[in-house]
Amino acid sequence: MNVPLHNQDFVLLPALSLQKAERAASAYFLQTSLYDKVGKLIKKYHTRNPFDILEQMNVVVKESSNYHNLKGYCLVSCKTTYVVINSQLSEPEKRIVAAHELGHVVLHRSLMKLAPMMDSTIYDMISKTEYEANLFAADLLLSDTDIEEMSQNEDMDYFQMCQSLYVSPELVSFKLFSLTIRGHVYNMPLNLNSKFLGTK
């Protein structure tokens, strides 16, 4: 059992209602465990870097400045898989978007053959495919050990932890949810006001 994050203001994130949490947990396990899939991917490619994994999977990764609201998208065309990322994003944002798009490539390839998967808002809590890609990205970019060690640091609050990990509070919330449904004990902050990857 893990020690909960020490900030006393932490409660379960309202957006993760019981019904949504149950649906997400069900989807999580029905996908032959996203956590296990991420673990196998890390073991196979010896990295958590989404760009390195995409390259080793022969996915063509490009950046484009042609989009204002679009964070990234992925598609399959002529048997080639493409990931396109908005070049105007910061480097930490690009890394998160790359991990999210990699989630689509691994989990939703059949859907990508039908139409591009376009992401203007990354942290979608409603769409099943987006929710799965978020959990995938969180487990890829953040190890269980990172969260466990930082959560026990009494001099660091939740948002300082997010800054130290170079990820958004929302992504850490997805990681905490992943940990929780796997039996770890963590709480999440009440309000997340970060517009880290929200629609601009």
Protein backbone atom coordinates (compact mmCIF):
# COMPACT_ATOMS: atom_id res chain seq x y z
CA MET A 1 0.00 0.00 0.00
CA ASN A 2 1.31 3.44 -0.90
CA VAL A 3 1.26 6.55 1.24
CA PRO A 4 -1.31 9.04 -0.15
CA LEU A 5 -0.08 12.39 -1.40
CA HIS A 6 0.23 14.50 1.72
CA ASN A 7 -1.64 17.66 0.66
CA GLN A 8 -4.81 17.73 2.79
CA ASP A 9 -6.84 19.38 0.03
CA PHE A 10 -6.77 16.22 -2.09
CA VAL A 11 -10.06 14.47 -2.75
CA LEU A 12 -11.22 12.37 -5.66
CA LEU A 13 -11.47 14.44 -8.84
CA PRO A 14 -15.18 15.19 -9.39
CA ALA A 15 -14.87 14.64 -13.14
CA LEU A 16 -14.09 11.02 -12.36
CA SER A 17 -17.61 10.19 -11.21
CA LEU A 18 -18.25 6.68 -9.96
CA GLN A 19 -20.05 5.76 -13.18
CA LYS A 20 -17.25 7.14 -15.37
CA ALA A 21 -14.63 5.52 -13.15
CA GLU A 22 -16.35 2.15 -13.43
CA ARG A 23 -16.59 2.49 -17.20
CA ALA A 24 -12.95 3.51 -17.44
CA ALA A 25 -11.83 0.66 -15.18
CA SER A 26 -13.85 -1.80 -17.23
CA ALA A 27 -12.34 -0.51 -20.47
CA TYR A 28 -8.90 -0.57 -18.85
CA PHE A 29 -9.10 -4.28 -18.11
CA LEU A 30 -10.97 -5.19 -21.30
CA GLN A 31 -8.04 -3.83 -23.29
CA THR A 32 -5.95 -6.72 -21.94
CA SER A 33 -4.71 -4.21 -19.42
CA LEU A 34 -3.29 -1.01 -20.87
CA TYR A 35 -0.65 -1.03 -18.17
CA ASP A 36 0.61 -4.44 -19.33
CA LYS A 37 0.64 -3.27 -22.96
CA VAL A 38 2.69 -0.22 -22.01
CA GLY A 39 5.06 -2.40 -19.98
CA LYS A 40 5.62 -4.76 -22.91
CA LEU A 41 6.27 -1.79 -25.20
CA ILE A 42 8.85 -0.31 -22.81
CA LYS A 43 10.54 -3.69 -22.43
CA LYS A 44 10.63 -4.25 -26.20
CA TYR A 45 12.03 -0.84 -27.12
CA HIS A 46 14.00 -0.14 -23.91
CA THR A 47 12.64 3.38 -23.50
CA ARG A 48 9.70 5.45 -22.30
CA ASN A 49 10.37 8.12 -24.91
CA PRO A 50 7.36 8.14 -27.26
CA PHE A 51 9.37 9.61 -30.14
CA ASP A 52 11.96 6.82 -29.93
CA ILE A 53 9.24 4.16 -29.81
CA LEU A 54 7.39 5.67 -32.76
CA GLU A 55 10.62 5.73 -34.76
CA GLN A 56 11.40 2.10 -33.93
CA MET A 57 7.84 1.17 -34.95
CA ASN A 58 8.48 2.83 -38.34
CA VAL A 59 5.82 5.46 -37.72
CA VAL A 60 6.44 8.64 -39.70
CA VAL A 61 6.40 11.58 -37.26
CA LYS A 62 6.04 15.11 -38.59
CA GLU A 63 5.42 18.56 -37.16
CA SER A 64 3.12 21.13 -38.70
CA SER A 65 2.43 24.79 -38.03
CA ASN A 66 -0.79 24.75 -40.06
CA TYR A 67 -3.08 24.15 -37.08
CA HIS A 68 -4.15 26.51 -34.31
CA ASN A 69 -6.37 24.37 -32.08
CA LEU A 70 -5.25 20.92 -33.19
CA LYS A 71 -2.63 19.38 -30.90
CA GLY A 72 -1.93 16.39 -33.09
CA TYR A 73 -3.40 13.57 -35.12
CA CYS A 74 -2.56 10.15 -36.47
CA LEU A 75 -3.65 8.21 -39.52
CA VAL A 76 -2.86 5.22 -41.69
CA SER A 77 -2.42 5.86 -45.42
CA CYS A 78 -1.11 3.40 -48.01
CA LYS A 79 -0.04 1.04 -45.20
CA THR A 80 2.09 3.77 -43.62
CA THR A 81 1.30 5.16 -40.17
CA TYR A 82 1.70 8.89 -39.63
CA VAL A 83 1.70 11.03 -36.48
CA VAL A 84 1.53 14.80 -36.93
CA ILE A 85 2.19 17.14 -34.00
CA ASN A 86 1.54 20.87 -33.78
CA SER A 87 4.97 22.53 -34.02
CA GLN A 88 3.78 25.50 -31.95
CA LEU A 89 3.52 23.39 -28.79
CA SER A 90 6.22 23.46 -26.13
CA GLU A 91 8.60 20.50 -25.92
CA PRO A 92 6.82 18.98 -22.86
CA GLU A 93 3.49 19.34 -24.68
CA LYS A 94 4.88 17.67 -27.81
CA ARG A 95 6.09 14.76 -25.69
CA ILE A 96 2.65 14.29 -24.12
CA VAL A 97 0.90 14.56 -27.50
CA ALA A 98 3.36 12.05 -28.99
CA ALA A 99 2.61 9.60 -26.16
CA HIS A 100 -1.13 10.13 -26.63
CA GLU A 101 -0.91 9.55 -30.39
CA LEU A 102 1.26 6.47 -29.77
CA GLY A 103 -1.59 5.21 -27.61
CA HIS A 104 -3.91 5.52 -30.59
CA VAL A 105 -1.39 3.76 -32.84
CA VAL A 106 -1.10 0.81 -30.45
CA LEU A 107 -4.72 0.58 -29.31
CA HIS A 108 -6.84 1.95 -32.15
CA ARG A 109 -5.04 1.15 -35.38
CA SER A 110 -8.16 -0.33 -37.00
CA LEU A 111 -10.05 2.93 -36.40
CA MET A 112 -7.16 4.95 -37.82
CA LYS A 113 -7.59 3.10 -41.11
CA LEU A 114 -11.10 4.51 -41.37
CA ALA A 115 -10.31 8.15 -40.62
CA PRO A 116 -7.58 10.25 -38.98
CA MET A 117 -7.79 10.46 -35.18
CA MET A 118 -7.59 14.19 -34.53
CA ASP A 119 -6.96 15.64 -31.09
CA SER A 120 -7.77 19.25 -30.31
CA THR A 121 -8.35 18.58 -26.61
CA ILE A 122 -6.15 15.85 -25.18
CA TYR A 123 -7.80 15.23 -21.82
CA ASP A 124 -11.16 13.99 -23.04
CA MET A 125 -12.98 12.18 -20.20
CA ILE A 126 -15.95 11.07 -22.32
CA SER A 127 -14.68 9.37 -25.48
CA LYS A 128 -13.58 5.78 -24.80
CA THR A 129 -10.72 5.91 -27.30
CA GLU A 130 -9.42 9.23 -25.98
CA TYR A 131 -9.68 8.04 -22.39
CA GLU A 132 -7.67 4.93 -23.23
CA ALA A 133 -5.03 7.00 -25.04
CA ASN A 134 -4.74 9.25 -21.97
CA LEU A 135 -4.25 6.29 -19.62
CA PHE A 136 -1.72 4.85 -22.06
CA ALA A 137 0.23 8.12 -22.21
CA ALA A 138 0.21 8.50 -18.43
CA ASP A 139 1.55 4.99 -17.85
CA LEU A 140 4.16 5.43 -20.57
CA LEU A 141 5.54 8.79 -19.44
CA LEU A 142 5.25 8.29 -15.68
CA SER A 143 6.58 5.25 -13.88
CA ASP A 144 4.89 3.97 -10.73
CA THR A 145 8.17 4.55 -8.89
CA ASP A 146 8.32 8.22 -9.91
CA ILE A 147 4.90 8.86 -8.37
CA GLU A 148 5.59 6.78 -5.27
CA GLU A 149 8.85 8.55 -4.49
CA MET A 150 7.58 12.06 -5.13
CA SER A 151 4.33 11.55 -3.25
CA GLN A 152 6.31 10.81 -0.10
CA ASN A 153 8.25 14.06 -0.31
CA GLU A 154 6.59 16.25 2.34
CA ASP A 155 8.18 19.39 0.91
CA MET A 156 6.48 18.96 -2.47
CA ASP A 157 2.81 19.55 -3.21
CA TYR A 158 0.85 18.10 -6.11
CA PHE A 159 1.51 20.86 -8.61
CA GLN A 160 5.20 21.05 -7.75
CA MET A 161 5.38 17.33 -8.40
CA CYS A 162 3.78 17.86 -11.83
CA GLN A 163 6.31 20.58 -12.64
CA SER A 164 9.19 18.35 -11.55
CA LEU A 165 7.96 15.60 -13.86
CA TYR A 166 7.46 18.05 -16.78
CA VAL A 167 3.86 16.93 -17.24
CA SER A 168 0.46 18.48 -16.72
CA PRO A 169 -1.65 18.00 -13.57
CA GLU A 170 -4.26 16.30 -15.73
CA LEU A 171 -1.82 13.66 -16.95
CA VAL A 172 -0.73 12.94 -13.38
CA SER A 173 -4.40 12.51 -12.46
CA PHE A 174 -4.71 9.85 -15.15
CA LYS A 175 -1.61 8.16 -13.74
CA LEU A 176 -3.05 8.28 -10.23
CA PHE A 177 -6.26 6.74 -11.54
CA SER A 178 -4.24 3.99 -13.23
CA LEU A 179 -2.45 3.32 -9.95
CA THR A 180 -5.71 3.36 -8.00
CA ILE A 181 -7.47 0.79 -10.16
CA ARG A 182 -4.39 -1.41 -9.83
CA GLY A 183 -4.72 -1.38 -6.05
CA HIS A 184 -2.49 1.51 -4.97
CA VAL A 185 -3.82 4.15 -2.60
CA TYR A 186 -3.59 7.72 -3.86
CA ASN A 187 -5.87 10.73 -3.87
CA MET A 188 -6.26 13.39 -6.54
CA PRO A 189 -6.65 17.17 -6.31
CA LEU A 190 -10.10 18.71 -6.11
CA ASN A 191 -9.72 21.25 -8.89
CA LEU A 192 -7.54 21.16 -11.98
CA ASN A 193 -7.45 24.55 -13.63
CA SER A 194 -4.43 23.97 -15.82
CA LYS A 195 -4.95 24.81 -19.49
CA PHE A 196 -1.78 22.90 -20.34
CA LEU A 197 -3.31 21.11 -23.32
CA GLY A 198 -6.78 22.56 -23.43
CA THR A 199 -8.25 24.07 -26.55
CA LYS A 200 -6.89 27.54 -27.10
